[in-house]
Amino acid sequence: MGEQRKRPKAVHTGVVESTERLTDGMVRVVLGGDGLSGFEIDGCTDSYVKLLLRADGGPLPEPFDYERFREQHPKSEWPVKRTYTVRAWDPDRRRLTIDFVVHGDRGVAGPWAAAARPGDRLHFMGPGGGYAPGQWADWHLLAGDDSALPAIAAAVEALPDRCRAHVFVEVEGPQHEQHVAVPDGVQVTWLHRGQQRVGTSLVPAVRELDFPDGAVHAFVHGEANFVKELRSLLRVEHGIPKKQLSISGYWKRGGDEDAWQAGKAEFNRAIEEEEAARIAAA
């Protein structure tokens, strides 16, 4: 039997239909076109895609064949991958909405989104995802920074009326807040960190929350260091089972996504070992 080759990953292509500056630090891009005919999501509110972008921000060749491009070009020229949450997917109109955090010229995806115009093409893989608010929960906790805001907003909009939920979103300042449709029973708290490190306002706010009785379903995502702190709070101090938590670092200060993905498994392994030791000692 010959050597089996890995099945090529499906690459979708979206055509920019519109862009919108939501706040000083976030741009919304709506994609459409025939290249989304094979794209579907399974109901996860944290669905994400892996964008394929040139490091210098230039366009990829058209028509674009990812596997062939990798075969014909040195690794230094391969597209970089950047992970972004699906803010909304309209299966009837086949429209995909992605919100991008932008910091001027920093990064790859943010500058692309800020400069995007109708007709531009965006190639991506996916989707992935694994969280949606559980119907079994007595209450919900959602907490994150700017990078988690699209997933948090999608989850909040999926919550049923009269459910109990506490939502904490940390942004730089009031100019970065967004309008989110909030069902009855959901309390949203916007937190402003100013120029302090990410998580400075968020971690104390969640720590000071008077946790309601009953089973919680928690979603905590964003910068890895504050996520680590809140994971410890939930797992060790509150004794919440892992099956009731969706917790992950989307990024880590001090490096880009490539560096974070390279070290993420080890970072998470160290957290789990420390967490297990603390739970055993409690």
Protein backbone atom coordinates (compact mmCIF):
# COMPACT_ATOMS: atom_id res chain seq x y z
CA MET A 1 0.00 0.00 0.00
CA GLY A 2 1.37 3.38 -0.93
CA GLU A 3 1.93 6.20 1.54
CA GLN A 4 -1.30 7.93 2.46
CA ARG A 5 -1.36 11.66 1.97
CA LYS A 6 -3.22 13.98 4.26
CA ARG A 7 -6.52 15.15 2.88
CA PRO A 8 -6.16 18.77 1.73
CA LYS A 9 -7.94 21.21 3.98
CA ALA A 10 -10.87 22.99 2.40
CA VAL A 11 -10.18 26.64 1.61
CA HIS A 12 -13.13 29.00 1.23
CA THR A 13 -13.05 32.35 -0.52
CA GLY A 14 -15.15 35.32 0.47
CA VAL A 15 -15.59 38.52 -1.49
CA VAL A 16 -15.85 41.70 0.55
CA GLU A 17 -19.34 43.18 0.23
CA SER A 18 -19.07 45.90 2.85
CA THR A 19 -16.94 47.21 5.70
CA GLU A 20 -17.93 49.25 8.72
CA ARG A 21 -15.93 50.96 11.45
CA LEU A 22 -17.82 49.81 14.56
CA THR A 23 -15.62 51.60 17.09
CA ASP A 24 -12.21 53.24 17.24
CA GLY A 25 -10.67 49.78 17.51
CA MET A 26 -12.89 47.41 15.54
CA VAL A 27 -13.81 47.00 11.88
CA ARG A 28 -16.60 44.77 10.58
CA VAL A 29 -16.16 43.00 7.25
CA VAL A 30 -19.07 41.26 5.50
CA LEU A 31 -18.17 38.60 2.94
CA GLY A 32 -20.25 36.93 0.25
CA GLY A 33 -19.79 35.30 -3.13
CA ASP A 34 -19.85 31.83 -4.65
CA GLY A 35 -16.70 30.88 -2.74
CA LEU A 36 -18.84 30.49 0.39
CA SER A 37 -21.10 27.84 -1.17
CA GLY A 38 -19.45 25.06 0.83
CA PHE A 39 -19.18 26.94 4.12
CA GLU A 40 -21.38 25.94 7.06
CA ILE A 41 -21.30 26.27 10.83
CA ASP A 42 -22.89 23.88 13.30
CA GLY A 43 -24.46 26.28 15.76
CA CYS A 44 -21.43 27.07 17.90
CA THR A 45 -21.39 30.71 18.95
CA ASP A 46 -17.59 30.64 19.11
CA SER A 47 -17.14 29.38 15.54
CA TYR A 48 -13.85 30.57 14.07
CA VAL A 49 -11.96 30.57 10.79
CA LYS A 50 -8.26 30.60 9.92
CA LEU A 51 -7.59 33.51 7.59
CA LEU A 52 -4.83 33.11 4.99
CA LEU A 53 -2.98 36.37 4.48
CA ARG A 54 0.31 37.51 3.04
CA ALA A 55 2.64 38.81 5.72
CA ASP A 56 3.23 42.00 3.73
CA GLY A 57 -0.51 42.60 3.37
CA GLY A 58 -0.53 42.16 -0.39
CA PRO A 59 -3.09 40.09 -2.30
CA LEU A 60 -2.66 36.38 -2.91
CA PRO A 61 -2.58 35.20 -6.54
CA GLU A 62 -5.91 34.42 -8.16
CA PRO A 63 -7.17 31.81 -8.61
CA PHE A 64 -5.64 30.72 -5.32
CA ASP A 65 -4.81 27.07 -4.65
CA TYR A 66 -3.39 26.72 -1.14
CA GLU A 67 -1.77 23.31 -1.54
CA ARG A 68 -0.24 24.17 -4.92
CA PHE A 69 1.01 27.50 -3.60
CA ARG A 70 2.80 25.69 -0.74
CA GLU A 71 4.36 23.25 -3.19
CA GLN A 72 5.60 25.96 -5.53
CA HIS A 73 6.86 28.54 -3.03
CA PRO A 74 9.37 28.48 -0.17
CA LYS A 75 7.95 28.34 3.35
CA SER A 76 8.98 31.95 3.95
CA GLU A 77 6.41 33.00 1.34
CA TRP A 78 3.49 30.89 2.58
CA PRO A 79 0.45 32.80 3.80
CA VAL A 80 0.28 33.41 7.53
CA LYS A 81 -2.75 32.11 9.39
CA ARG A 82 -4.76 34.31 11.70
CA THR A 83 -7.70 33.04 13.77
CA TYR A 84 -10.92 35.08 13.86
CA THR A 85 -14.35 34.45 15.32
CA VAL A 86 -17.41 34.27 13.09
CA ARG A 87 -19.51 37.18 14.32
CA ALA A 88 -22.48 36.10 12.23
CA TRP A 89 -23.36 33.65 9.47
CA ASP A 90 -26.49 34.00 7.38
CA PRO A 91 -26.97 30.59 5.68
CA ASP A 92 -29.87 31.80 3.53
CA ARG A 93 -28.07 34.79 2.06
CA ARG A 94 -24.66 33.11 2.53
CA ARG A 95 -23.14 36.14 4.19
CA LEU A 96 -20.25 35.84 6.63
CA THR A 97 -19.50 38.63 9.11
CA ILE A 98 -16.13 38.94 10.85
CA ASP A 99 -15.16 41.69 13.30
CA PHE A 100 -11.47 42.65 13.42
CA VAL A 101 -9.66 44.34 16.29
CA VAL A 102 -7.37 46.95 14.74
CA HIS A 103 -4.33 48.66 16.26
CA GLY A 104 -3.16 50.95 13.50
CA ASP A 105 -0.48 49.31 11.37
CA ARG A 106 0.29 46.56 13.89
CA GLY A 107 -0.30 42.98 12.90
CA VAL A 108 -1.47 41.45 9.64
CA ALA A 109 -5.24 40.91 9.76
CA GLY A 110 -6.15 44.24 11.38
CA PRO A 111 -4.45 46.37 8.71
CA TRP A 112 -5.98 44.16 6.01
CA ALA A 113 -9.47 44.75 7.41
CA ALA A 114 -8.91 48.49 7.82
CA ALA A 115 -7.89 48.76 4.16
CA ALA A 116 -10.43 46.27 2.75
CA ARG A 117 -12.77 47.47 0.02
CA PRO A 118 -15.74 45.84 -1.76
CA GLY A 119 -14.50 43.31 -4.27
CA ASP A 120 -11.41 42.29 -2.27
CA ARG A 121 -11.04 38.55 -1.74
CA LEU A 122 -10.28 36.77 1.52
CA HIS A 123 -9.24 33.11 1.69
CA PHE A 124 -9.72 31.08 4.84
CA MET A 125 -10.06 27.60 6.36
CA GLY A 126 -12.63 26.33 8.79
CA PRO A 127 -14.79 26.66 10.64
CA GLY A 128 -13.91 25.28 14.04
CA GLY A 129 -15.59 25.89 17.38
CA GLY A 130 -17.02 24.06 20.35
CA TYR A 131 -19.13 26.33 22.55
CA ALA A 132 -22.73 27.47 22.64
CA PRO A 133 -24.65 28.49 25.78
CA GLY A 134 -25.92 25.28 27.36
CA GLN A 135 -29.66 24.96 27.89
CA TRP A 136 -28.92 22.92 31.02
CA ALA A 137 -27.26 25.81 32.86
CA ASP A 138 -28.96 27.67 35.70
CA TRP A 139 -26.91 30.74 34.80
CA HIS A 140 -24.18 31.87 32.45
CA LEU A 141 -20.91 33.72 32.89
CA LEU A 142 -19.18 35.29 29.90
CA ALA A 143 -15.96 37.27 30.28
CA GLY A 144 -13.33 38.50 27.86
CA ASP A 145 -11.43 41.33 26.23
CA ASP A 146 -11.79 42.98 22.82
CA SER A 147 -10.67 39.84 20.99
CA ALA A 148 -13.44 37.81 22.64
CA LEU A 149 -16.15 40.42 22.10
CA PRO A 150 -17.44 38.96 18.78
CA ALA A 151 -17.89 35.50 20.34
CA ILE A 152 -19.41 36.95 23.51
CA ALA A 153 -21.84 39.08 21.51
CA ALA A 154 -22.87 36.08 19.40
CA ALA A 155 -23.43 34.01 22.56
CA VAL A 156 -25.44 36.75 24.28
CA GLU A 157 -27.70 37.08 21.26
CA ALA A 158 -28.29 33.31 21.39
CA LEU A 159 -29.37 33.32 25.04
CA PRO A 160 -33.07 32.78 25.68
CA ASP A 161 -35.16 35.48 27.33
CA ARG A 162 -35.31 35.46 31.11
CA CYS A 163 -32.18 33.38 31.50
CA ARG A 164 -29.65 34.57 34.07
CA ALA A 165 -26.32 35.71 32.72
CA HIS A 166 -23.48 37.96 33.85
CA VAL A 167 -21.35 39.35 31.03
CA PHE A 168 -18.07 41.21 31.55
CA VAL A 169 -16.25 42.82 28.63
CA GLU A 170 -13.03 44.77 29.07
CA VAL A 171 -12.07 47.37 26.46
CA GLU A 172 -9.70 50.31 26.47
CA GLY A 173 -12.35 52.97 27.03
CA PRO A 174 -15.99 53.96 26.44
CA GLN A 175 -15.29 54.70 22.78
CA HIS A 176 -14.71 50.96 22.28
CA GLU A 177 -18.05 49.80 23.68
CA GLN A 178 -20.58 48.31 21.25
CA HIS A 179 -24.32 47.93 21.23
CA VAL A 180 -25.28 44.30 21.78
CA ALA A 181 -28.87 43.05 21.75
CA VAL A 182 -29.36 41.78 25.30
CA PRO A 183 -32.22 39.43 26.30
CA ASP A 184 -34.09 40.01 29.54
CA GLY A 185 -32.17 38.69 32.53
CA VAL A 186 -28.73 39.36 31.06
CA GLN A 187 -26.51 41.89 32.83
CA VAL A 188 -23.66 43.33 30.76
CA THR A 189 -20.81 45.17 32.49
CA TRP A 190 -18.37 47.16 30.37
CA LEU A 191 -14.94 47.62 31.96
CA HIS A 192 -12.31 50.17 30.92
CA ARG A 193 -8.61 49.44 31.35
CA GLY A 194 -7.24 52.66 29.88
CA GLN A 195 -3.53 52.16 29.14
CA GLN A 196 -3.09 49.41 31.72
CA ARG A 197 -2.43 45.79 30.78
CA VAL A 198 -5.31 43.70 29.48
CA GLY A 199 -7.26 42.07 32.30
CA THR A 200 -6.53 44.77 34.86
CA SER A 201 -10.21 45.66 35.23
CA LEU A 202 -11.71 42.34 34.18
CA VAL A 203 -10.17 39.95 36.71
CA PRO A 204 -11.21 41.93 39.84
CA ALA A 205 -14.73 42.43 38.48
CA VAL A 206 -15.28 38.69 37.98
CA ARG A 207 -13.64 37.92 41.31
CA GLU A 208 -16.02 40.29 43.09
CA LEU A 209 -19.12 38.78 41.48
CA ASP A 210 -21.52 37.19 43.95
CA PHE A 211 -21.97 33.89 42.15
CA PRO A 212 -25.64 32.85 41.91
CA ASP A 213 -26.73 29.42 43.09
CA GLY A 214 -26.97 26.59 40.57
CA ALA A 215 -24.88 25.24 37.71
CA VAL A 216 -22.98 27.82 35.70
CA HIS A 217 -21.83 27.56 32.10
CA ALA A 218 -18.82 29.84 31.74
CA PHE A 219 -17.10 31.25 28.66
CA VAL A 220 -13.79 33.00 29.39
CA HIS A 221 -11.53 33.91 26.47
CA GLY A 222 -8.99 36.55 25.51
CA GLU A 223 -5.42 37.36 26.55
CA ALA A 224 -3.79 34.23 27.98
CA ASN A 225 -2.49 35.66 31.25
CA PHE A 226 -5.81 36.97 32.55
CA VAL A 227 -7.54 33.83 31.26
CA LYS A 228 -5.14 31.84 33.45
CA GLU A 229 -6.13 33.91 36.49
CA LEU A 230 -9.84 33.51 35.87
CA ARG A 231 -9.49 29.79 35.19
CA SER A 232 -7.86 29.40 38.58
CA LEU A 233 -10.68 31.38 40.18
CA LEU A 234 -13.36 29.18 38.60
CA ARG A 235 -11.67 25.78 38.86
CA VAL A 236 -9.83 26.04 42.18
CA GLU A 237 -11.65 28.64 44.26
CA HIS A 238 -15.20 27.94 43.06
CA GLY A 239 -14.69 24.26 42.27
CA ILE A 240 -16.48 24.39 38.91
CA PRO A 241 -16.05 21.20 36.84
CA LYS A 242 -14.13 21.53 33.57
CA LYS A 243 -17.13 20.26 31.59
CA GLN A 244 -18.98 23.46 32.54
CA LEU A 245 -16.21 25.74 31.26
CA SER A 246 -15.05 27.01 27.90
CA ILE A 247 -11.75 28.71 28.69
CA SER A 248 -8.90 29.49 26.32
CA GLY A 249 -6.32 32.13 25.52
CA TYR A 250 -6.94 33.68 22.13
CA TRP A 251 -3.59 35.49 22.25
CA LYS A 252 -0.71 36.32 24.59
CA ARG A 253 0.83 39.72 25.10
CA GLY A 254 4.39 40.08 23.90
CA GLY A 255 4.07 38.02 20.71
CA ASP A 256 2.06 37.38 17.56
CA GLU A 257 -0.28 34.45 16.90
CA ASP A 258 2.51 32.33 15.43
CA ALA A 259 4.52 32.57 18.66
CA TRP A 260 1.43 31.96 20.80
CA GLN A 261 0.33 28.88 18.86
CA ALA A 262 3.86 27.45 19.08
CA GLY A 263 3.86 27.71 22.87
CA LYS A 264 0.15 27.36 23.67
CA ALA A 265 0.16 23.62 24.40
CA GLU A 266 3.01 23.94 26.90
CA PHE A 267 1.41 27.00 28.51
CA ASN A 268 -1.87 25.11 28.96
CA ARG A 269 -0.14 21.99 30.22
CA ALA A 270 1.63 23.99 32.94
CA ILE A 271 -1.69 25.55 33.97
CA GLU A 272 -3.39 22.16 34.24
CA GLU A 273 -0.55 20.70 36.34
CA GLU A 274 -0.58 23.67 38.72
CA GLU A 275 -4.38 23.57 38.88
CA ALA A 276 -4.46 19.84 39.64
CA ALA A 277 -1.92 20.28 42.44
CA ARG A 278 -3.92 23.11 44.01
CA ILE A 279 -7.18 21.19 43.81
CA ALA A 280 -5.55 18.11 45.37
CA ALA A 281 -4.15 20.22 48.19
CA ALA A 282 -7.42 21.98 48.92
